[in-house]
Amino acid sequence: MINRTLIAFATSALIFATPIFVTSSYAAPHMFDLLAGSWRGTGFVTASSDSDEESIRCKMRNKNDKDKGKLVMSGNCGVGSFLFSLRGWIKQDGTKNRYNASMFQSIASLRTETFAGKRSGNKLNFTFKGHDRLSNQGISAKIQVVSRNKNNFEILLTRTDPKTKKAFKVGTIKFSKN
C-alpha cells in the first residue's frame, strides 16, 4: 500500500499545477476563463521509486476569481479506495511568465516552502519544495504541464527520492474538459 500522505502530495502537485497551460504571454482573465469549468482526469501515480504504480482518477472544478486575479480550484481524487479532497489556487505573480500557487489547503501534514513556476511555450514548469510533518521528510518535486489543446492537457510529476537523492517519475494524469 502506498503511503497516503505521499499519494495526496503527488496528486495535489499534479492537479494544482495542471490548469496553467498557457497559450499567450499573460495568464490574464482570458486564460483563467479558458480554465474555468469542470475537468476529469485519469492516470497513474507512485509514492516512491520502489513502489508500484496505482491508477488515479480525479474530478476538478475551477473558478476564475476575477476580483482577486486567481484561478480557484477544488476537487476530489481517488487512488484505490483512498479518496481525498483538494483545494488551492494559481495566481500570476505580476510578471509575464511567472506563477505562484497554493495547493495544500486540504492536506494539513504538508508545509509548502516554495511552489512557483515559469512558462515556456505550451509547457509550464513548476518547482515545489516543502516538508511532510508526519514523516519529517523534505519534499522536492518538478511538475511539468503540457497543453495539448483547449480541452486536453497532461501533467508529469517527478520527485527527488529523499534517501537516494535521485529523481523518479511520480506519475502522469491526462485531463479532459467535461
Foldseek 3Di string as FASTA:
>chain_A
DADPLLVVVVVLLQVFVALPQDADQACPLVVLVLSAAKKKKKKWFGRAPPDDIFIKIKIKGWDQPNVVQKIWMKIWMDTVNDIDIKTKIKHAPPDRFKIAMDICPRPVQKAWDGWMWGDDHRKIKIWTWIAGNVVRDIWTKIKMKGDPDSFKIKIWIWTQHRPVRDIDTGIMMIMGGD
